Amino acid sequence: MQCNIRNTLFSGVLLLAASILVSIGVAEISFPESLLTFTDQDWLINLWPKAWKYNIHVGLGAIIVAGILIVPAYKLQRDFAIRALETLCRIGIGGMFIFASIFKIQDPHQFATLVAQYQFFSAMHLDFVNNFFALVYPQFELWFGLAMIFTPFVKESAFAIFWMFISFIIALAWALANDLGITCGCFELEGAQDKAEAWTSLIRDLVLIWPTLWLMLRKNNSLISLWYPQK
């Protein structure tokens, strides 16, 4: 009994550390001036003036270390680790999509302008799709993000979000291949026109698509039932 409690505690500590590292990693990759990053800190830049250029390397490194920490956490307490990982992934990915939808829903005209800048639909002579896409897509982000967290339909929510990630990856790859000099505009619409950030958005989506794929393979369960299954 004491051994199980100790293993669960150690597993929880490792998963907490892994969660913090993943948060830092995603922030370093996509939000290099947020509260979770340190490559933009003045004291580090004073010691190493080029530190800010390595935020992607630091971000990927943090995510790799987080993945390594998950292994002993899983070995120490398998069932607890799986439940905790599913909870963290659902809240993290679902919350990210909810947050990403807010700006687009508030300003569909600006989002439609950003969608048009990809010139993806224009290349297929489907310019009329831009406005429809700008109105509908943020709603998908919002409702599937909410469903991921608050409903038992994790497989269906993850399936929808997985294909949204695929669409983001295709759009960003298209923008980079055609040297359009824009980024995804996932979390803000103003000033979303920096080619360098397109790479960071693409890397972020390539990282996050894997836990989404894993969630597609999980059984449908609410987060409450996940921890307190009905007998």
Protein backbone atom coordinates (compact mmCIF):
# COMPACT_ATOMS: atom_id res chain seq x y z
CA MET A 1 0.00 0.00 0.00
CA GLN A 2 2.71 2.47 1.00
CA CYS A 3 4.71 1.46 -2.06
CA ASN A 4 1.73 2.23 -4.32
CA ILE A 5 1.23 5.61 -2.69
CA ARG A 6 4.91 6.42 -3.03
CA ASN A 7 4.95 5.34 -6.68
CA THR A 8 1.85 7.39 -7.42
CA LEU A 9 3.39 10.43 -5.72
CA PHE A 10 6.65 10.12 -7.66
CA SER A 11 4.73 9.51 -10.88
CA GLY A 12 2.65 12.63 -10.22
CA VAL A 13 5.73 14.74 -9.57
CA LEU A 14 7.35 13.55 -12.80
CA LEU A 15 4.17 14.24 -14.80
CA LEU A 16 3.85 17.68 -13.23
CA ALA A 17 7.44 18.46 -14.23
CA ALA A 18 6.74 17.11 -17.72
CA SER A 19 3.62 19.29 -18.00
CA ILE A 20 5.56 22.40 -17.01
CA LEU A 21 8.28 21.57 -19.53
CA VAL A 22 5.74 21.04 -22.31
CA SER A 23 4.11 24.38 -21.48
CA ILE A 24 7.51 26.07 -21.54
CA GLY A 25 8.37 24.26 -24.77
CA VAL A 26 5.20 25.34 -26.58
CA ALA A 27 5.62 28.88 -25.27
CA GLU A 28 9.25 29.05 -26.41
CA ILE A 29 8.30 27.79 -29.87
CA SER A 30 5.21 29.93 -30.47
CA PHE A 31 5.11 32.66 -27.82
CA PRO A 32 8.75 33.71 -27.25
CA GLU A 33 7.82 36.77 -25.18
CA SER A 34 5.31 35.18 -22.81
CA LEU A 35 5.55 34.60 -19.07
CA LEU A 36 6.59 30.97 -19.60
CA THR A 37 9.70 31.74 -21.65
CA PHE A 38 13.17 32.64 -20.44
CA THR A 39 15.19 33.07 -23.66
CA ASP A 40 13.89 36.65 -23.74
CA GLN A 41 14.96 37.47 -20.18
CA ASP A 42 17.30 40.45 -19.89
CA TRP A 43 19.71 38.73 -17.52
CA LEU A 44 20.17 35.84 -19.96
CA ILE A 45 20.54 38.14 -22.96
CA ASN A 46 23.15 40.14 -21.04
CA LEU A 47 25.11 36.93 -20.50
CA TRP A 48 24.39 35.55 -23.95
CA PRO A 49 23.22 38.23 -26.44
CA LYS A 50 22.06 35.65 -28.99
CA ALA A 51 19.98 33.62 -26.53
CA TRP A 52 16.69 34.84 -28.02
CA LYS A 53 17.60 33.23 -31.36
CA TYR A 54 17.51 29.78 -29.81
CA ASN A 55 13.98 29.78 -28.46
CA ILE A 56 12.89 27.00 -30.85
CA HIS A 57 15.85 24.84 -29.84
CA VAL A 58 15.05 25.42 -26.17
CA GLY A 59 11.38 24.68 -26.77
CA LEU A 60 12.02 21.41 -28.57
CA GLY A 61 14.59 20.46 -25.94
CA ALA A 62 12.05 21.05 -23.15
CA ILE A 63 9.48 18.90 -24.95
CA ILE A 64 12.01 16.08 -25.47
CA VAL A 65 12.96 16.14 -21.78
CA ALA A 66 9.25 16.08 -20.88
CA GLY A 67 8.82 12.99 -23.05
CA ILE A 68 11.73 11.31 -21.27
CA LEU A 69 10.18 12.07 -17.85
CA ILE A 70 6.91 10.45 -18.90
CA VAL A 71 8.63 7.05 -19.26
CA PRO A 72 9.55 6.52 -15.58
CA ALA A 73 6.23 8.08 -14.53
CA TYR A 74 4.46 5.45 -16.64
CA LYS A 75 6.59 2.63 -15.24
CA LEU A 76 6.04 3.71 -11.65
CA GLN A 77 2.24 3.84 -11.84
CA ARG A 78 0.82 2.92 -15.23
CA ASP A 79 -2.90 3.52 -14.65
CA PHE A 80 -2.39 6.81 -12.84
CA ALA A 81 0.03 8.06 -15.50
CA ILE A 82 -2.36 7.27 -18.36
CA ARG A 83 -5.30 8.98 -16.63
CA ALA A 84 -3.18 12.01 -15.77
CA LEU A 85 -1.77 12.27 -19.30
CA GLU A 86 -5.23 12.07 -20.86
CA THR A 87 -6.51 14.73 -18.48
CA LEU A 88 -3.60 17.05 -19.19
CA CYS A 89 -3.79 16.54 -22.96
CA ARG A 90 -7.55 17.11 -23.08
CA ILE A 91 -7.41 20.26 -20.97
CA GLY A 92 -4.32 21.59 -22.72
CA ILE A 93 -5.37 20.98 -26.32
CA GLY A 94 -9.04 21.73 -25.75
CA GLY A 95 -8.19 24.93 -23.87
CA MET A 96 -5.81 26.02 -26.60
CA PHE A 97 -8.50 25.64 -29.27
CA ILE A 98 -11.05 27.51 -27.16
CA PHE A 99 -8.56 30.35 -26.63
CA ALA A 100 -7.61 30.38 -30.33
CA SER A 101 -11.25 30.70 -31.41
CA ILE A 102 -12.04 33.80 -29.35
CA PHE A 103 -10.14 36.33 -31.45
CA LYS A 104 -11.53 34.95 -34.70
CA ILE A 105 -15.12 34.90 -33.48
CA GLN A 106 -14.81 38.46 -32.22
CA ASP A 107 -13.43 39.76 -35.53
CA PRO A 108 -14.51 37.50 -38.42
CA HIS A 109 -13.76 40.21 -41.00
CA GLN A 110 -10.11 40.43 -39.95
CA PHE A 111 -9.84 36.64 -39.86
CA ALA A 112 -11.36 36.43 -43.38
CA THR A 113 -8.70 38.90 -44.53
CA LEU A 114 -5.99 36.70 -43.02
CA VAL A 115 -7.45 33.58 -44.64
CA ALA A 116 -7.44 35.35 -48.01
CA GLN A 117 -3.75 36.18 -47.58
CA TYR A 118 -2.94 32.48 -47.81
CA GLN A 119 -4.23 32.58 -51.41
CA PHE A 120 -5.09 28.91 -51.04
CA PHE A 121 -8.71 29.15 -52.13
CA SER A 122 -7.81 31.77 -54.71
CA ALA A 123 -5.45 29.31 -56.38
CA MET A 124 -8.45 26.99 -56.87
CA HIS A 125 -10.69 29.91 -57.95
CA LEU A 126 -12.78 29.53 -54.80
CA ASP A 127 -12.45 33.01 -53.33
CA PHE A 128 -16.05 32.91 -52.11
CA VAL A 129 -15.05 30.20 -49.61
CA ASN A 130 -12.86 32.65 -47.61
CA ASN A 131 -15.75 34.35 -45.81
CA PHE A 132 -17.61 31.08 -45.16
CA PHE A 133 -14.42 29.50 -43.80
CA ALA A 134 -13.74 32.51 -41.55
CA LEU A 135 -17.23 32.26 -40.04
CA VAL A 136 -17.43 28.49 -39.59
CA TYR A 137 -13.91 27.39 -38.69
CA PRO A 138 -13.60 29.33 -35.39
CA GLN A 139 -16.90 27.79 -34.31
CA PHE A 140 -15.44 24.34 -34.89
CA GLU A 141 -12.41 25.30 -32.79
CA LEU A 142 -14.61 26.55 -29.97
CA TRP A 143 -17.12 23.71 -29.81
CA PHE A 144 -14.72 20.84 -30.34
CA GLY A 145 -12.37 22.42 -27.78
CA LEU A 146 -15.24 22.53 -25.29
CA ALA A 147 -16.28 18.98 -26.18
CA MET A 148 -12.73 17.75 -25.62
CA ILE A 149 -12.82 18.98 -22.02
CA PHE A 150 -16.44 18.82 -20.92
CA THR A 151 -17.99 15.86 -22.75
CA PRO A 152 -17.16 12.14 -22.85
CA PHE A 153 -16.68 12.23 -26.65
CA VAL A 154 -12.92 12.42 -26.61
CA LYS A 155 -12.45 10.22 -29.69
CA GLU A 156 -14.74 12.31 -31.86
CA SER A 157 -13.35 15.61 -30.56
CA ALA A 158 -9.77 14.46 -31.07
CA PHE A 159 -10.64 13.24 -34.58
CA ALA A 160 -11.99 16.69 -35.51
CA ILE A 161 -9.07 18.52 -33.90
CA PHE A 162 -6.59 16.17 -35.58
CA TRP A 163 -7.91 17.18 -39.00
CA MET A 164 -7.86 20.83 -38.00
CA PHE A 165 -4.18 20.39 -37.19
CA ILE A 166 -3.72 18.78 -40.61
CA SER A 167 -5.36 21.79 -42.25
CA PHE A 168 -3.11 24.17 -40.27
CA ILE A 169 -0.03 22.21 -41.34
CA ILE A 170 -1.08 22.22 -44.99
CA ALA A 171 -1.86 25.95 -44.90
CA LEU A 172 1.45 26.86 -43.25
CA ALA A 173 3.41 24.61 -45.60
CA TRP A 174 1.61 26.27 -48.52
CA ALA A 175 2.47 29.73 -47.21
CA LEU A 176 6.13 28.81 -46.75
CA ALA A 177 6.39 27.05 -50.12
CA ASN A 178 4.94 30.12 -51.86
CA ASP A 179 7.02 32.57 -49.80
CA LEU A 180 3.90 34.44 -48.69
CA GLY A 181 5.47 35.86 -45.53
CA ILE A 182 2.47 35.23 -43.27
CA THR A 183 1.83 33.11 -40.19
CA CYS A 184 -1.23 31.20 -39.07
CA GLY A 185 -2.83 33.95 -36.97
CA CYS A 186 -3.95 31.26 -34.57
CA PHE A 187 -3.96 33.35 -31.39
CA GLU A 188 -3.98 36.93 -32.63
CA LEU A 189 -5.05 38.60 -35.84
CA GLU A 190 -3.24 41.90 -35.76
CA GLY A 191 0.28 41.80 -37.09
CA ALA A 192 0.08 38.12 -38.06
CA GLN A 193 2.33 38.65 -41.07
CA ASP A 194 5.77 37.41 -40.14
CA LYS A 195 7.29 34.63 -42.24
CA ALA A 196 9.69 33.62 -39.46
CA GLU A 197 6.73 32.87 -37.20
CA ALA A 198 5.23 30.57 -39.83
CA TRP A 199 8.00 28.07 -39.11
CA THR A 200 7.36 28.21 -35.36
CA SER A 201 3.63 27.70 -35.88
CA LEU A 202 4.33 24.74 -38.15
CA ILE A 203 6.69 23.17 -35.61
CA ARG A 204 4.15 23.69 -32.81
CA ASP A 205 1.38 22.00 -34.80
CA LEU A 206 3.65 19.09 -35.76
CA VAL A 207 4.39 18.57 -32.05
CA LEU A 208 0.80 18.85 -30.81
CA ILE A 209 -0.72 16.61 -33.47
CA TRP A 210 0.80 13.53 -31.79
CA PRO A 211 -0.98 13.77 -28.42
CA THR A 212 -4.15 14.52 -30.40
CA LEU A 213 -3.66 11.31 -32.36
CA TRP A 214 -3.18 9.44 -29.07
CA LEU A 215 -6.46 10.87 -27.74
CA MET A 216 -8.21 9.50 -30.84
CA LEU A 217 -7.27 6.03 -29.61
CA ARG A 218 -8.63 6.52 -26.09
CA LYS A 219 -12.02 5.27 -24.90
CA ASN A 220 -14.85 7.77 -24.63
CA ASN A 221 -15.05 8.98 -21.04
CA SER A 222 -15.77 12.20 -19.26
CA LEU A 223 -12.89 13.52 -17.19
CA ILE A 224 -14.89 12.71 -14.03
CA SER A 225 -15.58 9.13 -15.16
CA LEU A 226 -11.92 8.80 -16.11
CA TRP A 227 -10.94 9.23 -12.46
CA TYR A 228 -14.08 7.87 -10.81
CA PRO A 229 -15.43 5.08 -13.07
CA GLN A 230 -18.93 3.90 -12.38
CA LYS A 231 -19.19 0.38 -11.06
